[in-house]
């Protein structure tokens, strides 16, 4: 089971003995050359992906004491570096995983300038995965990562009965704007990228917006967000999402566009930057939780942040054209 987050107390609460669903690696591993670091991590990820999932804890010694790993790798944080490296350490590439920076406790035992990283690996539907470093297949046995025998790999291959899809956001474009209930209502087009990283063709699949979270409590009770179409205003509404029967072959991807509607409220008669601030407030820290389902699986819920893609300047120009009396020009 992949967690939403890991705290330092979670690390301290782990059993003293490693098990088939978690493994510890002390910080001394990162004193080695990069090739050895990646080979060691690839072995553990292969074993977990082929054994129902588990957690690799980096920066904790075998006896449970904390020594941490370097917080940076070059100019990147160690978490970002591992998140970029992890998928490509295995063949087939690993898709079902999360990389966490452990949240420090009030009286933290984690050394300054170092971190504890946890890589959670799910029960991969694309198993068996071999290490791309030494080209061996591993699995967990007796709390260790060991080479898998042929009969074990045959059992895993028999499980390959459904596709494995991933979801990303490609771009956002403004479509229309109109005055509505004291604000300006926008429809933007979200362009998703759906990729099949498994070995089975995805014949039927669907994207649904399951939830939206904003850092400000009650924000979306005051600011309605809509997906699909509402006949009264002829604007997006409900959560029907995208549902298609267009096949996606293994290793291929598709782009699909869907409208998203939302109002923007801001002080009337003010300068244009009041509007841009209102848009930025609306999407800063907002997480959209989408679910990507197939005919075989309900699919995991994928959180996506859109603030870096919102076309604020394009929306501002359309707002002035739609309701010029809202602005002091």
C-alpha atoms as a PDB file:
ATOM      1  CA  UNK A   1       0.000   0.000   0.000  1.00  0.00           C
ATOM      2  CA  UNK A   2       1.497   3.327  -1.083  1.00  0.00           C
ATOM      3  CA  UNK A   3       1.137   6.039   1.576  1.00  0.00           C
ATOM      4  CA  UNK A   4       0.241   9.693   1.102  1.00  0.00           C
ATOM      5  CA  UNK A   5       3.200  10.690   3.302  1.00  0.00           C
ATOM      6  CA  UNK A   6       5.811   9.375   5.739  1.00  0.00           C
ATOM      7  CA  UNK A   7       6.746  11.002   9.044  1.00  0.00           C
ATOM      8  CA  UNK A   8       9.855  10.481  11.151  1.00  0.00           C
ATOM      9  CA  UNK A   9       7.644   8.738  13.726  1.00  0.00           C
ATOM     10  CA  UNK A  10       6.481   6.304  11.009  1.00  0.00           C
ATOM     11  CA  UNK A  11      10.134   5.427  10.430  1.00  0.00           C
ATOM     12  CA  UNK A  12      10.786   4.934  14.149  1.00  0.00           C
ATOM     13  CA  UNK A  13       7.703   2.710  14.419  1.00  0.00           C
ATOM     14  CA  UNK A  14       8.941   0.237  11.789  1.00  0.00           C
ATOM     15  CA  UNK A  15       9.711  -3.263  13.136  1.00  0.00           C
ATOM     16  CA  UNK A  16      13.350  -3.936  14.066  1.00  0.00           C
ATOM     17  CA  UNK A  17      13.601  -6.727  11.494  1.00  0.00           C
ATOM     18  CA  UNK A  18      13.192  -6.103   7.762  1.00  0.00           C
ATOM     19  CA  UNK A  19      10.284  -7.927   6.135  1.00  0.00           C
ATOM     20  CA  UNK A  20       9.098  -8.792   2.659  1.00  0.00           C
ATOM     21  CA  UNK A  21       7.364  -5.417   2.385  1.00  0.00           C
ATOM     22  CA  UNK A  22      10.085  -3.048   3.586  1.00  0.00           C
ATOM     23  CA  UNK A  23      13.856  -2.713   3.310  1.00  0.00           C
ATOM     24  CA  UNK A  24      16.356  -0.300   4.888  1.00  0.00           C
ATOM     25  CA  UNK A  25      19.514   1.128   3.339  1.00  0.00           C
ATOM     26  CA  UNK A  26      21.857   3.287   5.411  1.00  0.00           C
ATOM     27  CA  UNK A  27      23.315   6.556   4.229  1.00  0.00           C
ATOM     28  CA  UNK A  28      26.747   4.978   3.622  1.00  0.00           C
ATOM     29  CA  UNK A  29      25.309   3.582   0.383  1.00  0.00           C
ATOM     30  CA  UNK A  30      25.422   7.129  -1.032  1.00  0.00           C
ATOM     31  CA  UNK A  31      29.165   7.333  -0.289  1.00  0.00           C
ATOM     32  CA  UNK A  32      29.632   4.796  -3.091  1.00  0.00           C
ATOM     33  CA  UNK A  33      29.930   5.617  -6.793  1.00  0.00           C
ATOM     34  CA  UNK A  34      26.627   6.405  -8.512  1.00  0.00           C
ATOM     35  CA  UNK A  35      26.663   3.143 -10.469  1.00  0.00           C
ATOM     36  CA  UNK A  36      26.589   1.084  -7.261  1.00  0.00           C
ATOM     37  CA  UNK A  37      23.906   3.288  -5.708  1.00  0.00           C
ATOM     38  CA  UNK A  38      21.585   2.828  -8.684  1.00  0.00           C
ATOM     39  CA  UNK A  39      22.291  -0.905  -8.958  1.00  0.00           C
ATOM     40  CA  UNK A  40      21.394  -1.413  -5.291  1.00  0.00           C
ATOM     41  CA  UNK A  41      18.176   0.611  -5.603  1.00  0.00           C
ATOM     42  CA  UNK A  42      17.217  -1.177  -8.847  1.00  0.00           C
ATOM     43  CA  UNK A  43      17.559  -4.563  -7.121  1.00  0.00           C
ATOM     44  CA  UNK A  44      15.230  -3.508  -4.301  1.00  0.00           C
ATOM     45  CA  UNK A  45      12.649  -1.922  -6.627  1.00  0.00           C
ATOM     46  CA  UNK A  46      12.597  -5.029  -8.840  1.00  0.00           C
ATOM     47  CA  UNK A  47      12.030  -7.229  -5.792  1.00  0.00           C
ATOM     48  CA  UNK A  48       9.161  -5.148  -4.433  1.00  0.00           C
ATOM     49  CA  UNK A  49       7.464  -4.720  -7.828  1.00  0.00           C
ATOM     50  CA  UNK A  50       7.600  -8.506  -8.303  1.00  0.00           C
ATOM     51  CA  UNK A  51       6.398  -9.321  -4.769  1.00  0.00           C
ATOM     52  CA  UNK A  52       3.188  -7.377  -4.256  1.00  0.00           C
ATOM     53  CA  UNK A  53       4.779  -4.028  -3.404  1.00  0.00           C
ATOM     54  CA  UNK A  54       6.694  -2.573  -0.493  1.00  0.00           C
ATOM     55  CA  UNK A  55       8.783   0.337   0.770  1.00  0.00           C
ATOM     56  CA  UNK A  56      12.481   1.083   0.346  1.00  0.00           C
ATOM     57  CA  UNK A  57      13.747   3.306   3.198  1.00  0.00           C
ATOM     58  CA  UNK A  58      16.933   5.223   2.385  1.00  0.00           C
ATOM     59  CA  UNK A  59      18.909   6.826   5.201  1.00  0.00           C
ATOM     60  CA  UNK A  60      18.225   4.316   7.987  1.00  0.00           C
ATOM     61  CA  UNK A  61      20.748   1.661   9.013  1.00  0.00           C
ATOM     62  CA  UNK A  62      19.932  -2.032   9.440  1.00  0.00           C
ATOM     63  CA  UNK A  63      19.718  -1.555  13.229  1.00  0.00           C
ATOM     64  CA  UNK A  64      17.079   1.172  12.785  1.00  0.00           C
ATOM     65  CA  UNK A  65      19.343   4.122  13.624  1.00  0.00           C
ATOM     66  CA  UNK A  66      19.067   7.186  11.409  1.00  0.00           C
ATOM     67  CA  UNK A  67      22.037   8.548   9.472  1.00  0.00           C
ATOM     68  CA  UNK A  68      20.230  10.111   6.493  1.00  0.00           C
ATOM     69  CA  UNK A  69      21.328  10.588   2.887  1.00  0.00           C
ATOM     70  CA  UNK A  70      22.548  13.820   1.191  1.00  0.00           C
ATOM     71  CA  UNK A  71      19.699  16.304   0.670  1.00  0.00           C
ATOM     72  CA  UNK A  72      20.963  17.319  -2.800  1.00  0.00           C
ATOM     73  CA  UNK A  73      22.291  15.563  -5.881  1.00  0.00           C
ATOM     74  CA  UNK A  74      24.003  18.213  -7.950  1.00  0.00           C
ATOM     75  CA  UNK A  75      21.456  21.016  -8.362  1.00  0.00           C
ATOM     76  CA  UNK A  76      18.440  18.747  -7.802  1.00  0.00           C
ATOM     77  CA  UNK A  77      16.956  17.667  -4.494  1.00  0.00           C
ATOM     78  CA  UNK A  78      17.671  14.022  -3.738  1.00  0.00           C
ATOM     79  CA  UNK A  79      13.931  13.300  -3.937  1.00  0.00           C
ATOM     80  CA  UNK A  80      13.613  14.782  -7.444  1.00  0.00           C
ATOM     81  CA  UNK A  81      16.749  12.948  -8.583  1.00  0.00           C
ATOM     82  CA  UNK A  82      15.427   9.589  -7.327  1.00  0.00           C
ATOM     83  CA  UNK A  83      11.966  10.253  -8.795  1.00  0.00           C
ATOM     84  CA  UNK A  84      13.541  10.810 -12.210  1.00  0.00           C
ATOM     85  CA  UNK A  85      15.860   7.796 -11.971  1.00  0.00           C
ATOM     86  CA  UNK A  86      13.500   5.201 -10.431  1.00  0.00           C
ATOM     87  CA  UNK A  87      11.230   4.382 -13.428  1.00  0.00           C
ATOM     88  CA  UNK A  88      14.202   3.670 -15.701  1.00  0.00           C
ATOM     89  CA  UNK A  89      16.031   1.383 -13.288  1.00  0.00           C
ATOM     90  CA  UNK A  90      13.689  -1.450 -14.313  1.00  0.00           C
ATOM     91  CA  UNK A  91      12.567  -3.141 -17.499  1.00  0.00           C
ATOM     92  CA  UNK A  92       9.608  -2.748 -18.023  1.00  0.00           C
ATOM     93  CA  UNK A  93       9.771   0.819 -16.618  1.00  0.00           C
ATOM     94  CA  UNK A  94       8.257   1.180 -13.151  1.00  0.00           C
ATOM     95  CA  UNK A  95       4.996   3.185 -13.142  1.00  0.00           C
ATOM     96  CA  UNK A  96       3.349   2.355  -9.806  1.00  0.00           C
ATOM     97  CA  UNK A  97       5.552   4.112  -7.216  1.00  0.00           C
ATOM     98  CA  UNK A  98       5.862   7.223  -5.024  1.00  0.00           C
ATOM     99  CA  UNK A  99       8.963   8.944  -3.658  1.00  0.00           C
ATOM    100  CA  UNK A 100       8.592  10.638  -0.258  1.00  0.00           C
ATOM    101  CA  UNK A 101      10.809  12.976   1.742  1.00  0.00           C
ATOM    102  CA  UNK A 102      10.182  11.956   5.350  1.00  0.00           C
ATOM    103  CA  UNK A 103       8.660  14.770   7.441  1.00  0.00           C
ATOM    104  CA  UNK A 104      10.903  15.635  10.382  1.00  0.00           C
ATOM    105  CA  UNK A 105       9.684  15.345  13.963  1.00  0.00           C
ATOM    106  CA  UNK A 106       9.868  18.211  16.469  1.00  0.00           C
ATOM    107  CA  UNK A 107      13.085  16.798  17.965  1.00  0.00           C
ATOM    108  CA  UNK A 108      14.395  15.239  14.798  1.00  0.00           C
ATOM    109  CA  UNK A 109      17.121  12.619  14.728  1.00  0.00           C
ATOM    110  CA  UNK A 110      17.757  13.285  11.032  1.00  0.00           C
ATOM    111  CA  UNK A 111      21.124  15.055  10.655  1.00  0.00           C
ATOM    112  CA  UNK A 112      21.097  18.619   9.321  1.00  0.00           C
ATOM    113  CA  UNK A 113      21.647  18.696   5.559  1.00  0.00           C
ATOM    114  CA  UNK A 114      20.469  15.104   5.158  1.00  0.00           C
ATOM    115  CA  UNK A 115      17.107  13.464   4.501  1.00  0.00           C
ATOM    116  CA  UNK A 116      15.313  10.155   4.801  1.00  0.00           C
ATOM    117  CA  UNK A 117      13.686   9.111   1.543  1.00  0.00           C
ATOM    118  CA  UNK A 118      11.050   6.379   1.173  1.00  0.00           C
ATOM    119  CA  UNK A 119      10.202   4.869  -2.209  1.00  0.00           C
ATOM    120  CA  UNK A 120       6.804   3.151  -2.044  1.00  0.00           C
ATOM    121  CA  UNK A 121       6.267   0.543  -4.776  1.00  0.00           C
ATOM    122  CA  UNK A 122       2.850  -0.864  -5.664  1.00  0.00           C
ATOM    123  CA  UNK A 123       1.902  -4.373  -6.753  1.00  0.00           C
ATOM    124  CA  UNK A 124       2.830  -3.856 -10.389  1.00  0.00           C
ATOM    125  CA  UNK A 125       0.457  -5.198 -13.001  1.00  0.00           C
ATOM    126  CA  UNK A 126       3.358  -5.104 -15.489  1.00  0.00           C
ATOM    127  CA  UNK A 127       5.477  -7.568 -13.448  1.00  0.00           C
ATOM    128  CA  UNK A 128       7.858  -9.259 -13.760  1.00  0.00           C
ATOM    129  CA  UNK A 129      10.348  -6.381 -13.808  1.00  0.00           C
ATOM    130  CA  UNK A 130      14.048  -7.004 -14.190  1.00  0.00           C
ATOM    131  CA  UNK A 131      16.781  -4.687 -12.997  1.00  0.00           C
ATOM    132  CA  UNK A 132      18.038  -2.662 -15.949  1.00  0.00           C
ATOM    133  CA  UNK A 133      21.429  -2.524 -14.213  1.00  0.00           C
ATOM    134  CA  UNK A 134      22.338  -6.237 -13.939  1.00  0.00           C
ATOM    135  CA  UNK A 135      19.444  -7.718 -16.021  1.00  0.00           C
ATOM    136  CA  UNK A 136      18.266 -10.004 -13.198  1.00  0.00           C
ATOM    137  CA  UNK A 137      14.747 -10.481 -11.839  1.00  0.00           C
ATOM    138  CA  UNK A 138      14.375 -10.227  -8.050  1.00  0.00           C
ATOM    139  CA  UNK A 139      11.690 -10.911  -5.466  1.00  0.00           C
ATOM    140  CA  UNK A 140      11.370 -10.594  -1.693  1.00  0.00           C
ATOM    141  CA  UNK A 141      12.053 -13.690   0.374  1.00  0.00           C
ATOM    142  CA  UNK A 142      12.703 -13.780   4.108  1.00  0.00           C
ATOM    143  CA  UNK A 143      13.130  -9.999   4.266  1.00  0.00           C
ATOM    144  CA  UNK A 144      15.747  -9.987   1.498  1.00  0.00           C
ATOM    145  CA  UNK A 145      15.845  -9.222  -2.232  1.00  0.00           C
ATOM    146  CA  UNK A 146      16.938 -12.401  -4.003  1.00  0.00           C
ATOM    147  CA  UNK A 147      17.029 -13.544  -7.667  1.00  0.00           C
ATOM    148  CA  UNK A 148      13.696 -14.998  -8.765  1.00  0.00           C
ATOM    149  CA  UNK A 149      13.487 -18.568 -10.076  1.00  0.00           C
ATOM    150  CA  UNK A 150      11.859 -19.432 -13.408  1.00  0.00           C
ATOM    151  CA  UNK A 151       8.678 -20.888 -11.913  1.00  0.00           C
ATOM    152  CA  UNK A 152       8.116 -17.665  -9.912  1.00  0.00           C
ATOM    153  CA  UNK A 153       8.487 -15.542 -13.064  1.00  0.00           C
ATOM    154  CA  UNK A 154       6.052 -17.814 -14.916  1.00  0.00           C
ATOM    155  CA  UNK A 155       3.452 -17.236 -12.198  1.00  0.00           C
ATOM    156  CA  UNK A 156       3.904 -13.475 -12.480  1.00  0.00           C
ATOM    157  CA  UNK A 157       3.536 -13.518 -16.250  1.00  0.00           C
ATOM    158  CA  UNK A 158       0.235 -15.321 -15.948  1.00  0.00           C
ATOM    159  CA  UNK A 159      -1.086 -12.264 -14.108  1.00  0.00           C
ATOM    160  CA  UNK A 160      -0.650 -10.032 -17.154  1.00  0.00           C
ATOM    161  CA  UNK A 161      -4.348  -9.651 -17.870  1.00  0.00           C
ATOM    162  CA  UNK A 162      -4.972  -5.889 -17.964  1.00  0.00           C
ATOM    163  CA  UNK A 163      -3.338  -2.682 -19.253  1.00  0.00           C
ATOM    164  CA  UNK A 164      -1.380  -0.215 -17.115  1.00  0.00           C
ATOM    165  CA  UNK A 165      -2.202   3.440 -17.867  1.00  0.00           C
ATOM    166  CA  UNK A 166      -0.621   6.654 -16.589  1.00  0.00           C
ATOM    167  CA  UNK A 167      -2.128  10.151 -16.676  1.00  0.00           C
ATOM    168  CA  UNK A 168      -0.467  13.534 -17.176  1.00  0.00           C
ATOM    169  CA  UNK A 169      -1.498  17.076 -18.155  1.00  0.00           C
ATOM    170  CA  UNK A 170      -0.113  18.466 -21.411  1.00  0.00           C
ATOM    171  CA  UNK A 171      -1.582  21.983 -21.676  1.00  0.00           C
ATOM    172  CA  UNK A 172      -4.507  24.319 -20.903  1.00  0.00           C
ATOM    173  CA  UNK A 173      -6.067  26.779 -23.372  1.00  0.00           C
ATOM    174  CA  UNK A 174      -8.817  29.368 -22.779  1.00  0.00           C
ATOM    175  CA  UNK A 175     -11.938  28.679 -24.848  1.00  0.00           C
ATOM    176  CA  UNK A 176     -14.666  31.202 -23.867  1.00  0.00           C
ATOM    177  CA  UNK A 177     -15.695  33.651 -21.148  1.00  0.00           C
ATOM    178  CA  UNK A 178     -19.039  35.184 -20.102  1.00  0.00           C
ATOM    179  CA  UNK A 179     -20.481  37.258 -17.257  1.00  0.00           C
ATOM    180  CA  UNK A 180     -22.228  35.162 -14.622  1.00  0.00           C
ATOM    181  CA  UNK A 181     -23.540  36.018 -11.137  1.00  0.00           C
ATOM    182  CA  UNK A 182     -21.178  38.893 -10.454  1.00  0.00           C
ATOM    183  CA  UNK A 183     -18.081  37.276 -11.892  1.00  0.00           C
ATOM    184  CA  UNK A 184     -16.601  36.105 -15.159  1.00  0.00           C
ATOM    185  CA  UNK A 185     -17.110  32.465 -16.018  1.00  0.00           C
ATOM    186  CA  UNK A 186     -14.371  30.785 -18.048  1.00  0.00           C
ATOM    187  CA  UNK A 187     -14.235  27.564 -19.998  1.00  0.00           C
ATOM    188  CA  UNK A 188     -10.723  26.228 -20.542  1.00  0.00           C
ATOM    189  CA  UNK A 189      -9.666  23.127 -22.425  1.00  0.00           C
ATOM    190  CA  UNK A 190      -7.560  20.632 -20.481  1.00  0.00           C
ATOM    191  CA  UNK A 191      -5.416  18.424 -22.692  1.00  0.00           C
ATOM    192  CA  UNK A 192      -4.520  15.161 -20.974  1.00  0.00           C
ATOM    193  CA  UNK A 193      -1.847  12.673 -21.985  1.00  0.00           C
ATOM    194  CA  UNK A 194      -2.748   9.020 -21.363  1.00  0.00           C
ATOM    195  CA  UNK A 195       0.047   6.459 -21.817  1.00  0.00           C
ATOM    196  CA  UNK A 196      -0.055   2.675 -21.754  1.00  0.00           C
ATOM    197  CA  UNK A 197       3.078   1.532 -19.904  1.00  0.00           C
ATOM    198  CA  UNK A 198       1.940  -2.100 -19.636  1.00  0.00           C
ATOM    199  CA  UNK A 199       1.898  -4.972 -22.116  1.00  0.00           C
ATOM    200  CA  UNK A 200      -1.849  -5.280 -22.753  1.00  0.00           C
ATOM    201  CA  UNK A 201      -3.896  -3.109 -25.134  1.00  0.00           C
ATOM    202  CA  UNK A 202      -6.280  -0.703 -23.347  1.00  0.00           C
ATOM    203  CA  UNK A 203      -9.542  -1.006 -25.286  1.00  0.00           C
ATOM    204  CA  UNK A 204     -11.871   0.962 -22.981  1.00  0.00           C
ATOM    205  CA  UNK A 205     -10.865   3.607 -20.467  1.00  0.00           C
ATOM    206  CA  UNK A 206     -12.197   6.741 -18.766  1.00  0.00           C
ATOM    207  CA  UNK A 207     -10.899   9.832 -16.939  1.00  0.00           C
ATOM    208  CA  UNK A 208     -13.042  11.240 -14.116  1.00  0.00           C
ATOM    209  CA  UNK A 209     -12.515  14.274 -11.872  1.00  0.00           C
ATOM    210  CA  UNK A 210     -13.013  12.810  -8.386  1.00  0.00           C
ATOM    211  CA  UNK A 211     -12.100  15.693  -6.090  1.00  0.00           C
ATOM    212  CA  UNK A 212     -10.564  19.162  -5.948  1.00  0.00           C
ATOM    213  CA  UNK A 213      -8.605  20.422  -2.930  1.00  0.00           C
ATOM    214  CA  UNK A 214      -7.657  24.034  -2.161  1.00  0.00           C
ATOM    215  CA  UNK A 215      -5.433  25.177   0.742  1.00  0.00           C
ATOM    216  CA  UNK A 216      -8.166  27.593   1.911  1.00  0.00           C
ATOM    217  CA  UNK A 217     -10.961  25.830   3.792  1.00  0.00           C
ATOM    218  CA  UNK A 218     -14.371  26.168   2.114  1.00  0.00           C
ATOM    219  CA  UNK A 219     -12.873  27.786  -1.014  1.00  0.00           C
ATOM    220  CA  UNK A 220     -14.769  25.609  -3.479  1.00  0.00           C
ATOM    221  CA  UNK A 221     -18.018  25.961  -1.560  1.00  0.00           C
ATOM    222  CA  UNK A 222     -17.860  29.638  -2.562  1.00  0.00           C
ATOM    223  CA  UNK A 223     -16.251  29.154  -5.976  1.00  0.00           C
ATOM    224  CA  UNK A 224     -17.976  26.462  -7.977  1.00  0.00           C
ATOM    225  CA  UNK A 225     -15.922  24.349 -10.367  1.00  0.00           C
ATOM    226  CA  UNK A 226     -17.649  22.407 -13.141  1.00  0.00           C
ATOM    227  CA  UNK A 227     -16.765  19.516 -15.447  1.00  0.00           C
ATOM    228  CA  UNK A 228     -18.877  18.426 -18.438  1.00  0.00           C
ATOM    229  CA  UNK A 229     -22.073  20.344 -19.414  1.00  0.00           C
ATOM    230  CA  UNK A 230     -24.935  22.022 -17.539  1.00  0.00           C
ATOM    231  CA  UNK A 231     -27.897  22.843 -19.805  1.00  0.00           C
ATOM    232  CA  UNK A 232     -29.118  25.874 -17.841  1.00  0.00           C
ATOM    233  CA  UNK A 233     -26.023  27.952 -18.587  1.00  0.00           C
ATOM    234  CA  UNK A 234     -24.623  25.840 -21.448  1.00  0.00           C
ATOM    235  CA  UNK A 235     -21.346  25.584 -19.570  1.00  0.00           C
ATOM    236  CA  UNK A 236     -19.303  22.687 -18.139  1.00  0.00           C
ATOM    237  CA  UNK A 237     -20.726  20.762 -15.175  1.00  0.00           C
ATOM    238  CA  UNK A 238     -20.912  17.319 -13.408  1.00  0.00           C
ATOM    239  CA  UNK A 239     -18.146  14.709 -13.302  1.00  0.00           C
ATOM    240  CA  UNK A 240     -18.805  12.542 -16.334  1.00  0.00           C
ATOM    241  CA  UNK A 241     -15.212  12.867 -17.502  1.00  0.00           C
ATOM    242  CA  UNK A 242     -13.778  11.389 -20.667  1.00  0.00           C
ATOM    243  CA  UNK A 243     -14.923   7.944 -21.671  1.00  0.00           C
ATOM    244  CA  UNK A 244     -13.499   6.432 -24.830  1.00  0.00           C
ATOM    245  CA  UNK A 245     -13.181   3.137 -26.634  1.00  0.00           C
ATOM    246  CA  UNK A 246     -10.151   4.224 -28.649  1.00  0.00           C
ATOM    247  CA  UNK A 247      -7.477   1.557 -28.047  1.00  0.00           C
ATOM    248  CA  UNK A 248      -4.050   2.497 -26.673  1.00  0.00           C
ATOM    249  CA  UNK A 249      -1.332   0.053 -27.655  1.00  0.00           C
ATOM    250  CA  UNK A 250       1.459  -0.864 -25.218  1.00  0.00           C
ATOM    251  CA  UNK A 251       4.161   1.793 -25.238  1.00  0.00           C
ATOM    252  CA  UNK A 252       1.882   4.326 -26.963  1.00  0.00           C
ATOM    253  CA  UNK A 253      -0.076   7.331 -25.736  1.00  0.00           C
ATOM    254  CA  UNK A 254      -3.012   9.566 -26.658  1.00  0.00           C
ATOM    255  CA  UNK A 255      -3.879  13.207 -26.038  1.00  0.00           C
ATOM    256  CA  UNK A 256      -7.483  13.994 -25.153  1.00  0.00           C
ATOM    257  CA  UNK A 257      -9.071  17.394 -24.488  1.00  0.00           C
ATOM    258  CA  UNK A 258     -11.907  18.127 -22.074  1.00  0.00           C
ATOM    259  CA  UNK A 259     -13.495  21.477 -21.029  1.00  0.00           C
ATOM    260  CA  UNK A 260     -13.339  22.707 -17.461  1.00  0.00           C
ATOM    261  CA  UNK A 261     -15.497  25.628 -16.332  1.00  0.00           C
ATOM    262  CA  UNK A 262     -15.039  27.939 -13.327  1.00  0.00           C
ATOM    263  CA  UNK A 263     -15.955  31.500 -12.234  1.00  0.00           C
ATOM    264  CA  UNK A 264     -13.459  34.164 -11.168  1.00  0.00           C
ATOM    265  CA  UNK A 265     -14.625  36.810  -8.668  1.00  0.00           C
ATOM    266  CA  UNK A 266     -12.597  39.988  -8.098  1.00  0.00           C
ATOM    267  CA  UNK A 267     -13.164  43.649  -7.087  1.00  0.00           C
ATOM    268  CA  UNK A 268     -15.085  45.382  -9.882  1.00  0.00           C
ATOM    269  CA  UNK A 269     -13.672  48.667 -11.190  1.00  0.00           C
ATOM    270  CA  UNK A 270     -10.105  47.872 -10.210  1.00  0.00           C
ATOM    271  CA  UNK A 271      -6.996  47.447 -12.331  1.00  0.00           C
ATOM    272  CA  UNK A 272      -6.351  44.304 -14.350  1.00  0.00           C
ATOM    273  CA  UNK A 273      -3.871  42.926 -11.816  1.00  0.00           C
ATOM    274  CA  UNK A 274      -6.799  42.417  -9.379  1.00  0.00           C
ATOM    275  CA  UNK A 275      -8.102  39.884 -11.853  1.00  0.00           C
ATOM    276  CA  UNK A 276      -4.767  38.116 -12.348  1.00  0.00           C
ATOM    277  CA  UNK A 277      -4.294  37.903  -8.564  1.00  0.00           C
ATOM    278  CA  UNK A 278      -7.763  36.318  -8.244  1.00  0.00           C
ATOM    279  CA  UNK A 279      -6.895  33.691 -10.870  1.00  0.00           C
ATOM    280  CA  UNK A 280      -3.555  32.922  -9.237  1.00  0.00           C
ATOM    281  CA  UNK A 281      -5.222  32.613  -5.808  1.00  0.00           C
ATOM    282  CA  UNK A 282      -7.766  30.214  -7.239  1.00  0.00           C
ATOM    283  CA  UNK A 283      -5.183  27.737  -8.553  1.00  0.00           C
ATOM    284  CA  UNK A 284      -2.202  28.221  -6.211  1.00  0.00           C
ATOM    285  CA  UNK A 285      -1.845  24.982  -4.261  1.00  0.00           C
ATOM    286  CA  UNK A 286      -5.006  23.511  -5.811  1.00  0.00           C
ATOM    287  CA  UNK A 287      -4.850  19.781  -6.497  1.00  0.00           C
ATOM    288  CA  UNK A 288      -7.181  18.101  -8.996  1.00  0.00           C
ATOM    289  CA  UNK A 289      -7.678  14.403  -8.277  1.00  0.00           C
ATOM    290  CA  UNK A 290      -8.383  12.463 -11.472  1.00  0.00           C
ATOM    291  CA  UNK A 291      -9.144   8.745 -11.720  1.00  0.00           C
ATOM    292  CA  UNK A 292      -8.095   6.793 -14.795  1.00  0.00           C
ATOM    293  CA  UNK A 293     -10.101   3.578 -15.113  1.00  0.00           C
ATOM    294  CA  UNK A 294     -10.015   0.714 -17.618  1.00  0.00           C
ATOM    295  CA  UNK A 295     -12.394  -2.139 -18.296  1.00  0.00           C
ATOM    296  CA  UNK A 296     -10.333  -4.217 -15.849  1.00  0.00           C
ATOM    297  CA  UNK A 297      -9.575  -1.776 -13.050  1.00  0.00           C
ATOM    298  CA  UNK A 298     -11.022   1.282 -11.300  1.00  0.00           C
ATOM    299  CA  UNK A 299      -7.528   2.781 -11.466  1.00  0.00           C
ATOM    300  CA  UNK A 300      -5.593   4.879  -8.985  1.00  0.00           C
ATOM    301  CA  UNK A 301      -6.465   8.491  -8.255  1.00  0.00           C
ATOM    302  CA  UNK A 302      -3.778  10.797  -9.670  1.00  0.00           C
ATOM    303  CA  UNK A 303      -3.310  14.264  -8.091  1.00  0.00           C
ATOM    304  CA  UNK A 304      -2.385  16.960 -10.616  1.00  0.00           C
ATOM    305  CA  UNK A 305      -1.524  20.600  -9.943  1.00  0.00           C
ATOM    306  CA  UNK A 306      -2.490  22.958 -12.770  1.00  0.00           C
ATOM    307  CA  UNK A 307      -1.256  26.368 -11.560  1.00  0.00           C
ATOM    308  CA  UNK A 308       1.910  26.304 -13.696  1.00  0.00           C
ATOM    309  CA  UNK A 309      -0.203  25.698 -16.830  1.00  0.00           C
ATOM    310  CA  UNK A 310      -3.050  28.207 -16.305  1.00  0.00           C
ATOM    311  CA  UNK A 311      -2.907  30.820 -19.146  1.00  0.00           C
ATOM    312  CA  UNK A 312      -3.393  33.856 -16.872  1.00  0.00           C
ATOM    313  CA  UNK A 313      -2.474  36.534 -19.450  1.00  0.00           C
ATOM    314  CA  UNK A 314      -4.680  34.944 -22.095  1.00  0.00           C
ATOM    315  CA  UNK A 315      -7.572  34.869 -19.604  1.00  0.00           C
ATOM    316  CA  UNK A 316      -6.961  38.507 -18.631  1.00  0.00           C
ATOM    317  CA  UNK A 317      -7.203  39.634 -22.265  1.00  0.00           C
ATOM    318  CA  UNK A 318     -10.434  37.679 -22.721  1.00  0.00           C
ATOM    319  CA  UNK A 319     -11.837  39.105 -19.456  1.00  0.00           C
ATOM    320  CA  UNK A 320     -11.291  42.696 -20.692  1.00  0.00           C
ATOM    321  CA  UNK A 321     -12.941  41.875 -24.026  1.00  0.00           C
ATOM    322  CA  UNK A 322     -15.889  40.146 -22.344  1.00  0.00           C
ATOM    323  CA  UNK A 323     -16.615  42.645 -19.539  1.00  0.00           C
ATOM    324  CA  UNK A 324     -14.656  45.903 -20.046  1.00  0.00           C
ATOM    325  CA  UNK A 325     -16.851  47.705 -17.458  1.00  0.00           C
ATOM    326  CA  UNK A 326     -15.306  45.476 -14.735  1.00  0.00           C
ATOM    327  CA  UNK A 327     -11.957  47.237 -15.123  1.00  0.00           C
ATOM    328  CA  UNK A 328     -10.545  50.763 -14.716  1.00  0.00           C
ATOM    329  CA  UNK A 329      -8.851  51.315 -18.074  1.00  0.00           C
END
